[in-house]
Amino acid sequence: MSVLEILPLAFVMIAGPQILSPIFLATSENWRQNSAAYILGAALSISLVTSFFYVVGRGALGQGTGNNTLYGIILVLLLVAMVHTFRTREEAEPPEWMGKLTTATPRFSFRLGFLLLGFFPTDILTSAAVGSYLAARGAPLTDALPFIGITLLILAIPSLTLLAFGERAEAFLPKAREWMNTNSWVINEIVILFFIGMTINNLTG
């Protein structure tokens, strides 16, 4: 059950520059290497952050911290993520540095994936919530693997689309980028609100 509960948060992880970057990288000169390096960096950072907060959560429970306290912390993390998503919803234009991704190197792409998916405000809050939530439920850390896997799969969609459709994908990707940039915050808010509801239910149940 815990696996299914945290899966929707994968969509929160990729909204914003996180999904826009692989779209840009898919049009770079060495797009295969760059896309793979970006996803590898993302996989490493998400795994590390989620595992860290899982261990912290389990340690807190082992020292006598109650489940309700941990759920309260999770609720605060989610509320902060929700506020951050709402406050940045009007930032429709991608950062200027994204225009340089078409000439990126695999090393830069790896570093970008590691930093964006591990330490971007919304992402670190989401990974922290996932790790803490699994700890509070007494679930194994391996329950986070589908969450991480779905996140990485979504990040790989631009390069997979290019592999499957070739030049036709080059015309589609900019449209997808524009739609995601404009509407992803709404999806984020819905998913976070859903997870807040589950957390409150665990807190009061």
Protein backbone atom coordinates (compact mmCIF):
# COMPACT_ATOMS: atom_id res chain seq x y z
CA MET A 1 0.00 0.00 0.00
CA SER A 2 2.80 2.45 0.84
CA VAL A 3 4.24 1.96 -2.66
CA LEU A 4 0.98 3.02 -4.32
CA GLU A 5 0.56 5.94 -1.95
CA ILE A 6 3.88 7.58 -2.78
CA LEU A 7 3.91 6.92 -6.55
CA PRO A 8 1.93 10.09 -7.48
CA LEU A 9 4.69 12.21 -5.91
CA ALA A 10 6.90 11.26 -8.86
CA PHE A 11 4.97 13.87 -10.88
CA VAL A 12 5.89 16.53 -8.33
CA MET A 13 9.54 15.59 -8.69
CA ILE A 14 9.72 16.27 -12.42
CA ALA A 15 7.72 19.49 -12.82
CA GLY A 16 9.62 22.62 -13.75
CA PRO A 17 13.28 22.70 -14.83
CA GLN A 18 13.58 19.01 -13.95
CA ILE A 19 11.57 17.90 -17.02
CA LEU A 20 12.43 20.92 -19.16
CA SER A 21 16.15 20.13 -18.94
CA PRO A 22 15.92 16.64 -20.53
CA ILE A 23 13.79 18.13 -23.30
CA PHE A 24 16.59 20.60 -24.06
CA LEU A 25 19.21 17.86 -23.70
CA ALA A 26 17.31 15.71 -26.19
CA THR A 27 18.10 18.34 -28.82
CA SER A 28 21.78 18.65 -27.89
CA GLU A 29 24.61 17.39 -30.09
CA ASN A 30 25.46 14.39 -27.87
CA TRP A 31 21.87 13.88 -26.75
CA ARG A 32 22.18 10.15 -25.99
CA GLN A 33 25.14 10.57 -23.64
CA ASN A 34 23.76 13.78 -22.14
CA SER A 35 20.32 12.31 -21.49
CA ALA A 36 21.78 9.17 -19.92
CA ALA A 37 24.15 11.22 -17.74
CA TYR A 38 21.30 13.48 -16.59
CA ILE A 39 19.14 10.51 -15.58
CA LEU A 40 22.06 8.83 -13.82
CA GLY A 41 22.74 11.97 -11.79
CA ALA A 42 19.04 12.24 -10.93
CA ALA A 43 18.89 8.57 -9.87
CA LEU A 44 21.84 9.01 -7.55
CA SER A 45 20.60 12.17 -5.85
CA ILE A 46 16.98 11.02 -5.41
CA SER A 47 18.17 7.74 -3.92
CA LEU A 48 20.57 9.46 -1.53
CA VAL A 49 18.10 12.08 -0.29
CA THR A 50 15.22 9.61 0.11
CA SER A 51 17.46 7.11 1.91
CA PHE A 52 18.88 9.79 4.19
CA PHE A 53 15.48 10.92 5.41
CA TYR A 54 14.29 7.32 5.72
CA VAL A 55 17.25 6.53 8.00
CA VAL A 56 16.66 9.74 9.97
CA GLY A 57 12.98 8.84 10.35
CA ARG A 58 13.72 5.31 11.50
CA GLY A 59 16.33 6.63 13.91
CA ALA A 60 13.85 9.12 15.36
CA LEU A 61 11.30 6.36 15.89
CA GLY A 62 13.96 4.22 17.52
CA GLN A 63 14.69 6.99 20.01
CA GLY A 64 11.08 7.26 21.07
CA THR A 65 9.68 9.79 18.63
CA GLY A 66 6.04 8.94 17.98
CA ASN A 67 4.56 8.23 14.57
CA ASN A 68 2.30 11.25 14.95
CA THR A 69 5.33 13.52 15.35
CA LEU A 70 6.85 12.11 12.18
CA TYR A 71 3.58 12.51 10.29
CA GLY A 72 3.44 16.10 11.56
CA ILE A 73 6.89 16.75 10.09
CA ILE A 74 5.79 15.20 6.79
CA LEU A 75 2.72 17.43 6.76
CA VAL A 76 4.88 20.53 7.23
CA LEU A 77 7.19 19.43 4.39
CA LEU A 78 4.24 18.96 2.08
CA LEU A 79 2.68 22.30 2.98
CA VAL A 80 5.98 24.07 2.31
CA ALA A 81 6.24 22.27 -1.06
CA MET A 82 2.68 23.28 -1.89
CA VAL A 83 3.33 26.94 -1.06
CA HIS A 84 6.58 26.93 -3.07
CA THR A 85 4.79 25.43 -6.08
CA PHE A 86 2.04 28.06 -5.90
CA ARG A 87 4.42 30.98 -5.47
CA THR A 88 6.52 29.98 -8.49
CA ARG A 89 3.57 29.15 -10.77
CA GLU A 90 3.94 32.39 -12.76
CA GLU A 91 7.55 31.69 -13.71
CA ALA A 92 6.55 30.68 -17.22
CA GLU A 93 9.89 31.33 -18.84
CA PRO A 94 12.67 28.78 -18.36
CA PRO A 95 15.92 30.03 -16.81
CA GLU A 96 18.41 31.56 -19.24
CA TRP A 97 20.96 28.81 -18.56
CA MET A 98 18.64 26.29 -20.19
CA GLY A 99 19.42 27.79 -23.57
CA LYS A 100 22.98 26.52 -23.13
CA LEU A 101 21.89 22.90 -22.72
CA THR A 102 22.04 22.30 -26.48
CA THR A 103 25.84 22.47 -26.16
CA ALA A 104 26.04 20.60 -22.85
CA THR A 105 28.53 17.85 -22.06
CA PRO A 106 27.75 14.54 -20.30
CA ARG A 107 29.67 15.74 -17.23
CA PHE A 108 27.57 18.90 -17.02
CA SER A 109 24.38 16.90 -17.64
CA PHE A 110 25.20 14.49 -14.81
CA ARG A 111 25.86 17.35 -12.42
CA LEU A 112 22.65 19.09 -13.48
CA GLY A 113 20.55 15.97 -12.92
CA PHE A 114 22.15 15.39 -9.53
CA LEU A 115 21.55 18.96 -8.33
CA LEU A 116 18.09 19.54 -9.79
CA LEU A 117 16.50 16.29 -8.62
CA GLY A 118 18.35 16.16 -5.32
CA PHE A 119 18.47 19.74 -4.10
CA PHE A 120 15.82 21.78 -5.92
CA PRO A 121 13.49 23.06 -3.14
CA THR A 122 10.37 21.15 -4.21
CA ASP A 123 12.33 17.98 -4.92
CA ILE A 124 14.25 17.79 -1.67
CA LEU A 125 10.99 18.39 0.22
CA THR A 126 9.26 15.66 -1.77
CA SER A 127 12.07 13.12 -1.36
CA ALA A 128 12.21 13.95 2.35
CA ALA A 129 8.46 13.40 2.62
CA VAL A 130 8.71 10.04 0.83
CA GLY A 131 11.59 8.78 3.00
CA SER A 132 9.95 9.97 6.22
CA TYR A 133 6.55 8.59 5.20
CA LEU A 134 7.96 5.11 4.57
CA ALA A 135 9.79 5.25 7.89
CA ALA A 136 6.63 6.26 9.73
CA ARG A 137 4.68 3.43 8.09
CA GLY A 138 7.37 0.92 9.03
CA ALA A 139 7.77 0.07 5.35
CA PRO A 140 11.10 -1.09 3.89
CA LEU A 141 13.26 1.42 2.01
CA THR A 142 12.84 -0.72 -1.11
CA ASP A 143 9.26 0.58 -1.31
CA ALA A 144 10.81 3.81 -2.60
CA LEU A 145 12.18 2.06 -5.70
CA PRO A 146 8.96 2.33 -7.78
CA PHE A 147 8.75 6.04 -6.88
CA ILE A 148 12.33 6.56 -8.03
CA GLY A 149 11.79 4.39 -11.10
CA ILE A 150 8.68 6.26 -12.27
CA THR A 151 10.45 9.59 -11.74
CA LEU A 152 13.38 8.47 -13.89
CA LEU A 153 11.08 7.01 -16.54
CA ILE A 154 9.28 10.34 -16.91
CA LEU A 155 12.62 12.13 -17.16
CA ALA A 156 13.61 9.70 -19.92
CA ILE A 157 10.48 10.33 -22.00
CA PRO A 158 12.04 13.13 -24.15
CA SER A 159 15.00 10.97 -25.21
CA LEU A 160 12.80 7.86 -25.62
CA THR A 161 10.42 9.89 -27.79
CA LEU A 162 13.32 11.02 -29.94
CA LEU A 163 14.53 7.45 -30.28
CA ALA A 164 11.09 6.25 -31.32
CA PHE A 165 9.97 9.05 -33.63
CA GLY A 166 13.14 10.77 -34.78
CA GLU A 167 12.60 14.10 -36.57
CA ARG A 168 8.88 14.11 -35.85
CA ALA A 169 9.70 14.29 -32.14
CA GLU A 170 11.81 17.41 -32.69
CA ALA A 171 8.65 19.32 -33.62
CA PHE A 172 6.63 17.84 -30.76
CA LEU A 173 9.09 18.36 -27.88
CA PRO A 174 8.94 22.19 -27.86
CA LYS A 175 5.13 22.02 -27.63
CA ALA A 176 5.34 19.54 -24.77
CA ARG A 177 7.88 21.80 -23.06
CA GLU A 178 5.56 24.80 -23.31
CA TRP A 179 2.57 22.85 -21.97
CA MET A 180 4.54 21.46 -19.03
CA ASN A 181 5.95 24.87 -18.21
CA THR A 182 2.47 26.42 -18.12
CA ASN A 183 0.33 23.71 -16.50
CA SER A 184 2.54 21.43 -14.40
CA TRP A 185 2.05 23.47 -11.23
CA VAL A 186 -1.67 22.56 -11.21
CA ILE A 187 -0.85 18.84 -11.34
CA ASN A 188 1.70 19.36 -8.57
CA GLU A 189 -0.82 21.02 -6.28
CA ILE A 190 -3.40 18.26 -6.83
CA VAL A 191 -0.88 15.49 -6.09
CA ILE A 192 0.51 17.23 -3.00
CA LEU A 193 -3.01 17.91 -1.73
CA PHE A 194 -3.85 14.22 -2.19
CA PHE A 195 -0.77 13.19 -0.22
CA ILE A 196 -1.55 15.77 2.48
CA GLY A 197 -4.97 14.14 2.83
CA MET A 198 -3.38 10.71 3.32
CA THR A 199 -0.94 12.10 5.87
CA ILE A 200 -3.72 13.77 7.85
CA ASN A 201 -5.63 10.50 7.76
CA ASN A 202 -2.64 8.66 9.19
CA LEU A 203 -2.16 11.41 11.76
CA THR A 204 -5.74 11.28 13.01
CA GLY A 205 -6.51 7.61 12.37
